[in-house]
Amino acid sequence: EGKQKVLDEIDHLKKVERPKVSKEIEEARAHGDLSENAEYHAARE
């Protein structure tokens, strides 16, 4: 059961969280200057 739980979390991180964060980074980049863009830095973190 523990292995399946870890595999499910890996799947979630790859298929849900990774694309979501990529979209957040893309949207933050659209706001302009990255050096002072808090949304961009938060998304990268």
All heavy atoms as atom14 arrays in JSON, in Angstrom:
{
  "sequence": "EGKQKVLDEIDHLKKVERPKVSKEIEEARAHGDLSENAEYHAARE",
  "atom14_mask": [
    [1, 1, 1, 1, 1, 1, 1, 1, 1, 0, 0, 0, 0, 0],
    [1, 1, 1, 1, 0, 0, 0, 0, 0, 0, 0, 0, 0, 0],
    [1, 1, 1, 1, 1, 1, 1, 1, 1, 0, 0, 0, 0, 0],
    [1, 1, 1, 1, 1, 1, 1, 1, 1, 0, 0, 0, 0, 0],
    [1, 1, 1, 1, 1, 1, 1, 1, 1, 0, 0, 0, 0, 0],
    [1, 1, 1, 1, 1, 1, 1, 0, 0, 0, 0, 0, 0, 0],
    [1, 1, 1, 1, 1, 1, 1, 1, 0, 0, 0, 0, 0, 0],
    [1, 1, 1, 1, 1, 1, 1, 1, 0, 0, 0, 0, 0, 0],
    [1, 1, 1, 1, 1, 1, 1, 1, 1, 0, 0, 0, 0, 0],
    [1, 1, 1, 1, 1, 1, 1, 1, 0, 0, 0, 0, 0, 0],
    [1, 1, 1, 1, 1, 1, 1, 1, 0, 0, 0, 0, 0, 0],
    [1, 1, 1, 1, 1, 1, 1, 1, 1, 1, 0, 0, 0, 0],
    [1, 1, 1, 1, 1, 1, 1, 1, 0, 0, 0, 0, 0, 0],
    [1, 1, 1, 1, 1, 1, 1, 1, 1, 0, 0, 0, 0, 0],
    [1, 1, 1, 1, 1, 1, 1, 1, 1, 0, 0, 0, 0, 0],
    [1, 1, 1, 1, 1, 1, 1, 0, 0, 0, 0, 0, 0, 0],
    [1, 1, 1, 1, 1, 1, 1, 1, 1, 0, 0, 0, 0, 0],
    [1, 1, 1, 1, 1, 1, 1, 1, 1, 1, 1, 0, 0, 0],
    [1, 1, 1, 1, 1, 1, 1, 0, 0, 0, 0, 0, 0, 0],
    [1, 1, 1, 1, 1, 1, 1, 1, 1, 0, 0, 0, 0, 0],
    [1, 1, 1, 1, 1, 1, 1, 0, 0, 0, 0, 0, 0, 0],
    [1, 1, 1, 1, 1, 1, 0, 0, 0, 0, 0, 0, 0, 0],
    [1, 1, 1, 1, 1, 1, 1, 1, 1, 0, 0, 0, 0, 0],
    [1, 1, 1, 1, 1, 1, 1, 1, 1, 0, 0, 0, 0, 0],
    [1, 1, 1, 1, 1, 1, 1, 1, 0, 0, 0, 0, 0, 0],
    [1, 1, 1, 1, 1, 1, 1, 1, 1, 0, 0, 0, 0, 0],
    [1, 1, 1, 1, 1, 1, 1, 1, 1, 0, 0, 0, 0, 0],
    [1, 1, 1, 1, 1, 0, 0, 0, 0, 0, 0, 0, 0, 0],
    [1, 1, 1, 1, 1, 1, 1, 1, 1, 1, 1, 0, 0, 0],
    [1, 1, 1, 1, 1, 0, 0, 0, 0, 0, 0, 0, 0, 0],
    [1, 1, 1, 1, 1, 1, 1, 1, 1, 1, 0, 0, 0, 0],
    [1, 1, 1, 1, 0, 0, 0, 0, 0, 0, 0, 0, 0, 0],
    [1, 1, 1, 1, 1, 1, 1, 1, 0, 0, 0, 0, 0, 0],
    [1, 1, 1, 1, 1, 1, 1, 1, 0, 0, 0, 0, 0, 0],
    [1, 1, 1, 1, 1, 1, 0, 0, 0, 0, 0, 0, 0, 0],
    [1, 1, 1, 1, 1, 1, 1, 1, 1, 0, 0, 0, 0, 0],
    [1, 1, 1, 1, 1, 1, 1, 1, 0, 0, 0, 0, 0, 0],
    [1, 1, 1, 1, 1, 0, 0, 0, 0, 0, 0, 0, 0, 0],
    [1, 1, 1, 1, 1, 1, 1, 1, 1, 0, 0, 0, 0, 0],
    [1, 1, 1, 1, 1, 1, 1, 1, 1, 1, 1, 1, 0, 0],
    [1, 1, 1, 1, 1, 1, 1, 1, 1, 1, 0, 0, 0, 0],
    [1, 1, 1, 1, 1, 0, 0, 0, 0, 0, 0, 0, 0, 0],
    [1, 1, 1, 1, 1, 0, 0, 0, 0, 0, 0, 0, 0, 0],
    [1, 1, 1, 1, 1, 1, 1, 1, 1, 1, 1, 0, 0, 0],
    [1, 1, 1, 1, 1, 1, 1, 1, 1, 0, 0, 0, 0, 0]
  ],
  "atom14_positions": [
    [[0.83, -1.21, 0.0], [0.0, 0.0, 0.0], [0.86, 1.25, 0.0], [0.53, 2.25, -0.65], [-0.93, 0.04, 1.22], [-1.88, -1.11, 1.34], [-1.28, -2.32, 2.07], [-0.17, -2.22, 2.64], [-1.92, -3.37, 2.06], [0.0, 0.0, 0.0], [0.0, 0.0, 0.0], [0.0, 0.0, 0.0], [0.0, 0.0, 0.0], [0.0, 0.0, 0.0]],
    [[1.95, 1.22, 0.75], [2.85, 2.37, 0.82], [3.49, 2.68, -0.52], [3.6, 3.84, -0.91], [0.0, 0.0, 0.0], [0.0, 0.0, 0.0], [0.0, 0.0, 0.0], [0.0, 0.0, 0.0], [0.0, 0.0, 0.0], [0.0, 0.0, 0.0], [0.0, 0.0, 0.0], [0.0, 0.0, 0.0], [0.0, 0.0, 0.0], [0.0, 0.0, 0.0]],
    [[3.9, 1.64, -1.24], [4.49, 1.84, -2.56], [3.47, 2.47, -3.49], [3.78, 3.4, -4.23], [5.01, 0.53, -3.14], [5.65, 0.74, -4.51], [6.21, -0.54, -5.08], [6.84, -0.26, -6.45], [7.31, -1.47, -7.08], [0.0, 0.0, 0.0], [0.0, 0.0, 0.0], [0.0, 0.0, 0.0], [0.0, 0.0, 0.0], [0.0, 0.0, 0.0]],
    [[2.24, 1.98, -3.44], [1.2, 2.53, -4.32], [0.93, 3.99, -3.98], [0.72, 4.81, -4.87], [-0.09, 1.71, -4.22], [-1.13, 2.11, -5.25], [-0.61, 2.01, -6.68], [-0.1, 0.98, -7.09], [-0.72, 3.1, -7.42], [0.0, 0.0, 0.0], [0.0, 0.0, 0.0], [0.0, 0.0, 0.0], [0.0, 0.0, 0.0], [0.0, 0.0, 0.0]],
    [[0.94, 4.32, -2.71], [0.72, 5.7, -2.28], [1.81, 6.62, -2.84], [1.53, 7.71, -3.33], [0.7, 5.77, -0.74], [0.45, 7.12, -0.17], [0.46, 7.08, 1.35], [0.5, 8.46, 1.95], [0.69, 8.46, 3.39], [0.0, 0.0, 0.0], [0.0, 0.0, 0.0], [0.0, 0.0, 0.0], [0.0, 0.0, 0.0], [0.0, 0.0, 0.0]],
    [[3.06, 6.16, -2.79], [4.18, 6.95, -3.32], [4.05, 7.08, -4.84], [4.24, 8.16, -5.4], [5.54, 6.33, -2.92], [6.69, 7.04, -3.62], [5.73, 6.4, -1.41], [0.0, 0.0, 0.0], [0.0, 0.0, 0.0], [0.0, 0.0, 0.0], [0.0, 0.0, 0.0], [0.0, 0.0, 0.0], [0.0, 0.0, 0.0], [0.0, 0.0, 0.0]],
    [[3.71, 5.98, -5.52], [3.53, 6.04, -6.98], [2.4, 6.99, -7.36], [2.51, 7.73, -8.35], [3.27, 4.64, -7.54], [4.46, 3.69, -7.52], [4.02, 2.27, -7.91], [5.57, 4.17, -8.42], [0.0, 0.0, 0.0], [0.0, 0.0, 0.0], [0.0, 0.0, 0.0], [0.0, 0.0, 0.0], [0.0, 0.0, 0.0], [0.0, 0.0, 0.0]],
    [[1.33, 7.0, -6.58], [0.21, 7.92, -6.84], [0.65, 9.37, -6.66], [0.27, 10.25, -7.45], [-0.97, 7.63, -5.9], [-1.66, 6.31, -6.22], [-1.42, 5.74, -7.31], [-2.44, 5.85, -5.35], [0.0, 0.0, 0.0], [0.0, 0.0, 0.0], [0.0, 0.0, 0.0], [0.0, 0.0, 0.0], [0.0, 0.0, 0.0], [0.0, 0.0, 0.0]],
    [[1.48, 9.64, -5.63], [1.96, 11.0, -5.42], [2.88, 11.43, -6.56], [2.81, 12.57, -7.03], [2.68, 11.14, -4.07], [3.08, 12.57, -3.79], [3.71, 12.8, -2.42], [3.72, 11.88, -1.59], [4.21, 13.92, -2.21], [0.0, 0.0, 0.0], [0.0, 0.0, 0.0], [0.0, 0.0, 0.0], [0.0, 0.0, 0.0], [0.0, 0.0, 0.0]],
    [[3.75, 10.54, -7.01], [4.64, 10.85, -8.14], [3.8, 11.19, -9.37], [4.06, 12.18, -10.06], [5.59, 9.66, -8.43], [6.65, 9.56, -7.34], [6.25, 9.82, -9.81], [7.51, 8.3, -7.42], [0.0, 0.0, 0.0], [0.0, 0.0, 0.0], [0.0, 0.0, 0.0], [0.0, 0.0, 0.0], [0.0, 0.0, 0.0], [0.0, 0.0, 0.0]],
    [[2.79, 10.38, -9.63], [1.9, 10.6, -10.77], [1.22, 11.97, -10.67], [1.15, 12.72, -11.64], [0.87, 9.47, -10.84], [0.07, 9.5, -12.12], [0.69, 9.47, -13.2], [-1.18, 9.52, -12.03], [0.0, 0.0, 0.0], [0.0, 0.0, 0.0], [0.0, 0.0, 0.0], [0.0, 0.0, 0.0], [0.0, 0.0, 0.0], [0.0, 0.0, 0.0]],
    [[0.73, 12.31, -9.48], [0.07, 13.6, -9.25], [1.04, 14.76, -9.48], [0.68, 15.75, -10.12], [-0.51, 13.64, -7.84], [-1.13, 14.95, -7.49], [-2.37, 15.34, -7.94], [-0.65, 16.0, -6.76], [-2.63, 16.54, -7.49], [-1.61, 16.98, -6.78], [0.0, 0.0, 0.0], [0.0, 0.0, 0.0], [0.0, 0.0, 0.0], [0.0, 0.0, 0.0]],
    [[2.25, 14.63, -8.95], [3.23, 15.71, -9.1], [3.59, 15.92, -10.57], [3.75, 17.07, -11.02], [4.49, 15.41, -8.28], [4.33, 15.47, -6.77], [5.6, 14.99, -6.08], [3.98, 16.87, -6.31], [0.0, 0.0, 0.0], [0.0, 0.0, 0.0], [0.0, 0.0, 0.0], [0.0, 0.0, 0.0], [0.0, 0.0, 0.0], [0.0, 0.0, 0.0]],
    [[3.71, 14.84, -11.32], [4.08, 14.94, -12.73], [2.93, 15.43, -13.62], [3.13, 16.25, -14.5], [4.57, 13.59, -13.26], [5.96, 13.23, -12.8], [6.39, 11.91, -13.4], [7.83, 11.59, -13.03], [8.25, 10.29, -13.62], [0.0, 0.0, 0.0], [0.0, 0.0, 0.0], [0.0, 0.0, 0.0], [0.0, 0.0, 0.0], [0.0, 0.0, 0.0]],
    [[1.74, 14.89, -13.39], [0.62, 15.15, -14.3], [-0.25, 16.35, -13.9], [-0.94, 16.9, -14.75], [-0.26, 13.91, -14.42], [0.45, 12.77, -15.12], [-0.44, 11.56, -15.24], [0.28, 10.44, -15.97], [-0.51, 9.21, -16.0], [0.0, 0.0, 0.0], [0.0, 0.0, 0.0], [0.0, 0.0, 0.0], [0.0, 0.0, 0.0], [0.0, 0.0, 0.0]],
    [[-0.23, 16.72, -12.63], [-1.09, 17.82, -12.18], [-0.25, 19.02, -11.75], [-0.41, 20.13, -12.29], [-2.01, 17.37, -11.02], [-2.83, 18.54, -10.5], [-2.92, 16.23, -11.46], [0.0, 0.0, 0.0], [0.0, 0.0, 0.0], [0.0, 0.0, 0.0], [0.0, 0.0, 0.0], [0.0, 0.0, 0.0], [0.0, 0.0, 0.0], [0.0, 0.0, 0.0]],
    [[0.63, 18.82, -10.79], [1.39, 19.94, -10.25], [2.39, 20.54, -11.23], [2.5, 21.76, -11.33], [2.11, 19.52, -8.96], [1.17, 19.24, -7.81], [0.3, 20.42, -7.41], [0.78, 21.58, -7.39], [-0.9, 20.19, -7.14], [0.0, 0.0, 0.0], [0.0, 0.0, 0.0], [0.0, 0.0, 0.0], [0.0, 0.0, 0.0], [0.0, 0.0, 0.0]],
    [[3.13, 19.69, -11.94], [4.15, 20.2, -12.88], [3.52, 21.09, -13.96], [3.98, 22.22, -14.16], [4.92, 19.04, -13.5], [6.12, 19.47, -14.3], [6.81, 18.26, -14.91], [7.86, 17.76, -14.04], [8.47, 16.58, -14.23], [8.11, 15.79, -15.22], [9.43, 16.21, -13.43], [0.0, 0.0, 0.0], [0.0, 0.0, 0.0], [0.0, 0.0, 0.0]],
    [[2.45, 20.65, -14.64], [1.83, 21.53, -15.64], [1.24, 22.8, -15.03], [1.3, 23.88, -15.63], [0.72, 20.67, -16.25], [1.12, 19.26, -15.98], [1.87, 19.31, -14.68], [0.0, 0.0, 0.0], [0.0, 0.0, 0.0], [0.0, 0.0, 0.0], [0.0, 0.0, 0.0], [0.0, 0.0, 0.0], [0.0, 0.0, 0.0], [0.0, 0.0, 0.0]],
    [[0.68, 22.67, -13.83], [0.09, 23.83, -13.14], [1.16, 24.88, -12.85], [0.97, 26.07, -13.1], [-0.57, 23.36, -11.84], [-1.22, 24.43, -11.02], [-1.86, 23.8, -9.79], [-2.06, 24.82, -8.7], [-2.5, 24.2, -7.45], [0.0, 0.0, 0.0], [0.0, 0.0, 0.0], [0.0, 0.0, 0.0], [0.0, 0.0, 0.0], [0.0, 0.0, 0.0]],
    [[2.31, 24.44, -12.35], [3.39, 25.36, -12.03], [3.97, 25.97, -13.3], [4.28, 27.16, -13.34], [4.49, 24.65, -11.2], [5.7, 25.54, -11.03], [3.95, 24.25, -9.84], [0.0, 0.0, 0.0], [0.0, 0.0, 0.0], [0.0, 0.0, 0.0], [0.0, 0.0, 0.0], [0.0, 0.0, 0.0], [0.0, 0.0, 0.0], [0.0, 0.0, 0.0]],
    [[4.09, 25.17, -14.35], [4.59, 25.7, -15.63], [3.69, 26.81, -16.15], [4.16, 27.84, -16.66], [4.68, 24.59, -16.67], [5.69, 23.69, -16.34], [0.0, 0.0, 0.0], [0.0, 0.0, 0.0], [0.0, 0.0, 0.0], [0.0, 0.0, 0.0], [0.0, 0.0, 0.0], [0.0, 0.0, 0.0], [0.0, 0.0, 0.0], [0.0, 0.0, 0.0]],
    [[2.39, 26.62, -16.0], [1.43, 27.64, -16.44], [1.58, 28.91, -15.58], [1.52, 30.02, -16.1], [0.01, 27.1, -16.35], [-1.02, 28.03, -16.91], [-2.41, 27.43, -16.9], [-3.38, 28.43, -17.48], [-4.74, 27.98, -17.42], [0.0, 0.0, 0.0], [0.0, 0.0, 0.0], [0.0, 0.0, 0.0], [0.0, 0.0, 0.0], [0.0, 0.0, 0.0]],
    [[1.78, 28.73, -14.27], [1.97, 29.89, -13.38], [3.22, 30.67, -13.78], [3.22, 31.9, -13.77], [2.08, 29.43, -11.93], [0.78, 28.94, -11.34], [0.93, 28.35, -9.95], [2.01, 28.49, -9.34], [-0.03, 27.73, -9.47], [0.0, 0.0, 0.0], [0.0, 0.0, 0.0], [0.0, 0.0, 0.0], [0.0, 0.0, 0.0], [0.0, 0.0, 0.0]],
    [[4.29, 29.97, -14.14], [5.53, 30.63, -14.56], [5.3, 31.39, -15.86], [5.72, 32.54, -16.01], [6.69, 29.6, -14.71], [7.1, 29.08, -13.34], [7.88, 30.21, -15.44], [8.07, 27.91, -13.37], [0.0, 0.0, 0.0], [0.0, 0.0, 0.0], [0.0, 0.0, 0.0], [0.0, 0.0, 0.0], [0.0, 0.0, 0.0], [0.0, 0.0, 0.0]],
    [[4.61, 30.74, -16.78], [4.31, 31.38, -18.07], [3.49, 32.65, -17.88], [3.78, 33.69, -18.49], [3.55, 30.37, -18.94], [3.29, 30.83, -20.36], [2.55, 29.78, -21.14], [2.91, 28.59, -21.05], [1.59, 30.16, -21.86], [0.0, 0.0, 0.0], [0.0, 0.0, 0.0], [0.0, 0.0, 0.0], [0.0, 0.0, 0.0], [0.0, 0.0, 0.0]],
    [[2.46, 32.59, -17.03], [1.63, 33.77, -16.77], [2.43, 34.87, -16.09], [2.26, 36.05, -16.4], [0.43, 33.38, -15.91], [-0.6, 32.55, -16.65], [-1.7, 32.03, -15.75], [-1.7, 32.32, -14.52], [-2.58, 31.31, -16.27], [0.0, 0.0, 0.0], [0.0, 0.0, 0.0], [0.0, 0.0, 0.0], [0.0, 0.0, 0.0], [0.0, 0.0, 0.0]],
    [[3.31, 34.51, -15.17], [4.11, 35.51, -14.47], [5.11, 36.17, -15.42], [5.38, 37.38, -15.3], [4.84, 34.86, -13.3], [0.0, 0.0, 0.0], [0.0, 0.0, 0.0], [0.0, 0.0, 0.0], [0.0, 0.0, 0.0], [0.0, 0.0, 0.0], [0.0, 0.0, 0.0], [0.0, 0.0, 0.0], [0.0, 0.0, 0.0], [0.0, 0.0, 0.0]],
    [[5.65, 35.4, -16.37], [6.59, 35.97, -17.36], [5.9, 37.03, -18.21], [6.53, 38.01, -18.62], [7.11, 34.87, -18.28], [8.27, 34.14, -17.74], [8.88, 33.28, -18.84], [10.06, 32.63, -18.31], [10.39, 31.38, -18.54], [9.62, 30.63, -19.32], [11.48, 30.87, -18.04], [0.0, 0.0, 0.0], [0.0, 0.0, 0.0], [0.0, 0.0, 0.0]],
    [[4.62, 36.83, -18.46], [3.87, 37.77, -19.29], [3.72, 39.14, -18.63], [3.43, 40.12, -19.31], [2.5, 37.19, -19.62], [0.0, 0.0, 0.0], [0.0, 0.0, 0.0], [0.0, 0.0, 0.0], [0.0, 0.0, 0.0], [0.0, 0.0, 0.0], [0.0, 0.0, 0.0], [0.0, 0.0, 0.0], [0.0, 0.0, 0.0], [0.0, 0.0, 0.0]],
    [[3.96, 39.21, -17.34], [3.82, 40.49, -16.63], [5.02, 41.4, -16.8], [5.04, 42.5, -16.27], [3.57, 40.25, -15.14], [2.26, 39.59, -14.86], [2.06, 38.79, -13.78], [1.07, 39.61, -15.53], [0.81, 38.34, -13.79], [0.2, 38.83, -14.84], [0.0, 0.0, 0.0], [0.0, 0.0, 0.0], [0.0, 0.0, 0.0], [0.0, 0.0, 0.0]],
    [[6.05, 40.92, -17.49], [7.18, 41.8, -17.78], [8.43, 41.5, -16.98], [8.77, 40.34, -16.78], [0.0, 0.0, 0.0], [0.0, 0.0, 0.0], [0.0, 0.0, 0.0], [0.0, 0.0, 0.0], [0.0, 0.0, 0.0], [0.0, 0.0, 0.0], [0.0, 0.0, 0.0], [0.0, 0.0, 0.0], [0.0, 0.0, 0.0], [0.0, 0.0, 0.0]],
    [[9.11, 42.55, -16.55], [10.42, 42.49, -15.88], [10.48, 41.39, -14.82], [9.79, 41.44, -13.81], [10.71, 43.84, -15.25], [12.09, 43.91, -14.62], [12.93, 43.02, -14.91], [12.34, 44.84, -13.84], [0.0, 0.0, 0.0], [0.0, 0.0, 0.0], [0.0, 0.0, 0.0], [0.0, 0.0, 0.0], [0.0, 0.0, 0.0], [0.0, 0.0, 0.0]],
    [[11.32, 40.38, -15.07], [11.41, 39.23, -14.17], [12.18, 39.53, -12.89], [11.99, 38.88, -11.88], [12.05, 38.04, -14.9], [11.29, 37.51, -16.11], [12.03, 36.32, -16.71], [9.88, 37.12, -15.75], [0.0, 0.0, 0.0], [0.0, 0.0, 0.0], [0.0, 0.0, 0.0], [0.0, 0.0, 0.0], [0.0, 0.0, 0.0], [0.0, 0.0, 0.0]],
    [[13.06, 40.52, -12.93], [13.9, 40.79, -11.75], [13.08, 41.3, -10.57], [13.46, 41.1, -9.42], [15.0, 41.8, -12.1], [14.42, 43.04, -12.45], [0.0, 0.0, 0.0], [0.0, 0.0, 0.0], [0.0, 0.0, 0.0], [0.0, 0.0, 0.0], [0.0, 0.0, 0.0], [0.0, 0.0, 0.0], [0.0, 0.0, 0.0], [0.0, 0.0, 0.0]],
    [[11.94, 41.95, -10.84], [11.12, 42.47, -9.74], [9.73, 41.83, -9.75], [8.79, 42.39, -9.2], [11.0, 43.99, -9.87], [12.33, 44.69, -9.69], [12.19, 46.19, -9.83], [11.07, 46.72, -9.71], [13.23, 46.83, -10.04], [0.0, 0.0, 0.0], [0.0, 0.0, 0.0], [0.0, 0.0, 0.0], [0.0, 0.0, 0.0], [0.0, 0.0, 0.0]],
    [[9.62, 40.65, -10.32], [8.33, 39.99, -10.47], [8.18, 38.92, -9.38], [8.69, 37.81, -9.5], [8.26, 39.37, -11.88], [6.89, 38.82, -12.2], [6.17, 38.39, -11.31], [6.56, 38.8, -13.48], [0.0, 0.0, 0.0], [0.0, 0.0, 0.0], [0.0, 0.0, 0.0], [0.0, 0.0, 0.0], [0.0, 0.0, 0.0], [0.0, 0.0, 0.0]],
    [[7.48, 39.26, -8.31], [7.31, 38.36, -7.17], [6.55, 37.09, -7.55], [6.87, 36.0, -7.06], [6.59, 39.07, -6.04], [0.0, 0.0, 0.0], [0.0, 0.0, 0.0], [0.0, 0.0, 0.0], [0.0, 0.0, 0.0], [0.0, 0.0, 0.0], [0.0, 0.0, 0.0], [0.0, 0.0, 0.0], [0.0, 0.0, 0.0], [0.0, 0.0, 0.0]],
    [[5.57, 37.22, -8.44], [4.81, 36.05, -8.88], [5.71, 35.05, -9.59], [5.59, 33.84, -9.39], [3.66, 36.46, -9.8], [2.55, 37.2, -9.11], [1.5, 37.72, -10.08], [1.62, 37.47, -11.3], [0.56, 38.36, -9.61], [0.0, 0.0, 0.0], [0.0, 0.0, 0.0], [0.0, 0.0, 0.0], [0.0, 0.0, 0.0], [0.0, 0.0, 0.0]],
    [[6.62, 35.57, -10.42], [7.54, 34.71, -11.15], [8.46, 33.98, -10.18], [8.65, 32.77, -10.27], [8.36, 35.54, -12.14], [9.45, 34.75, -12.83], [9.14, 33.87, -13.86], [10.78, 34.87, -12.43], [10.13, 33.14, -14.48], [11.77, 34.14, -13.04], [11.45, 33.28, -14.08], [12.43, 32.55, -14.69], [0.0, 0.0, 0.0], [0.0, 0.0, 0.0]],
    [[9.02, 34.7, -9.23], [9.94, 34.08, -8.26], [9.22, 33.05, -7.38], [9.78, 32.0, -7.07], [10.64, 35.15, -7.42], [11.57, 36.01, -8.22], [12.74, 35.53, -8.74], [11.47, 37.3, -8.62], [13.35, 36.48, -9.42], [12.59, 37.57, -9.36], [0.0, 0.0, 0.0], [0.0, 0.0, 0.0], [0.0, 0.0, 0.0], [0.0, 0.0, 0.0]],
    [[7.99, 33.34, -7.0], [7.21, 32.39, -6.2], [6.92, 31.13, -7.0], [7.03, 30.01, -6.48], [5.91, 33.04, -5.73], [0.0, 0.0, 0.0], [0.0, 0.0, 0.0], [0.0, 0.0, 0.0], [0.0, 0.0, 0.0], [0.0, 0.0, 0.0], [0.0, 0.0, 0.0], [0.0, 0.0, 0.0], [0.0, 0.0, 0.0], [0.0, 0.0, 0.0]],
    [[6.57, 31.3, -8.27], [6.28, 30.14, -9.12], [7.54, 29.31, -9.35], [7.48, 28.07, -9.35], [5.69, 30.61, -10.45], [0.0, 0.0, 0.0], [0.0, 0.0, 0.0], [0.0, 0.0, 0.0], [0.0, 0.0, 0.0], [0.0, 0.0, 0.0], [0.0, 0.0, 0.0], [0.0, 0.0, 0.0], [0.0, 0.0, 0.0], [0.0, 0.0, 0.0]],
    [[8.69, 29.95, -9.53], [9.95, 29.22, -9.71], [10.31, 28.46, -8.43], [10.8, 27.34, -8.48], [11.09, 30.18, -10.1], [10.97, 30.8, -11.47], [11.24, 29.82, -12.55], [12.58, 29.3, -12.34], [13.26, 28.59, -13.21], [12.72, 28.31, -14.36], [14.46, 28.16, -12.94], [0.0, 0.0, 0.0], [0.0, 0.0, 0.0], [0.0, 0.0, 0.0]],
    [[10.06, 29.08, -7.28], [10.32, 28.42, -6.0], [9.42, 27.19, -5.86], [9.87, 26.12, -5.45], [10.05, 29.4, -4.85], [10.16, 28.8, -3.47], [11.6, 28.59, -3.01], [12.5, 29.2, -3.59], [11.8, 27.81, -2.07], [0.0, 0.0, 0.0], [0.0, 0.0, 0.0], [0.0, 0.0, 0.0], [0.0, 0.0, 0.0], [0.0, 0.0, 0.0]]
  ]
}
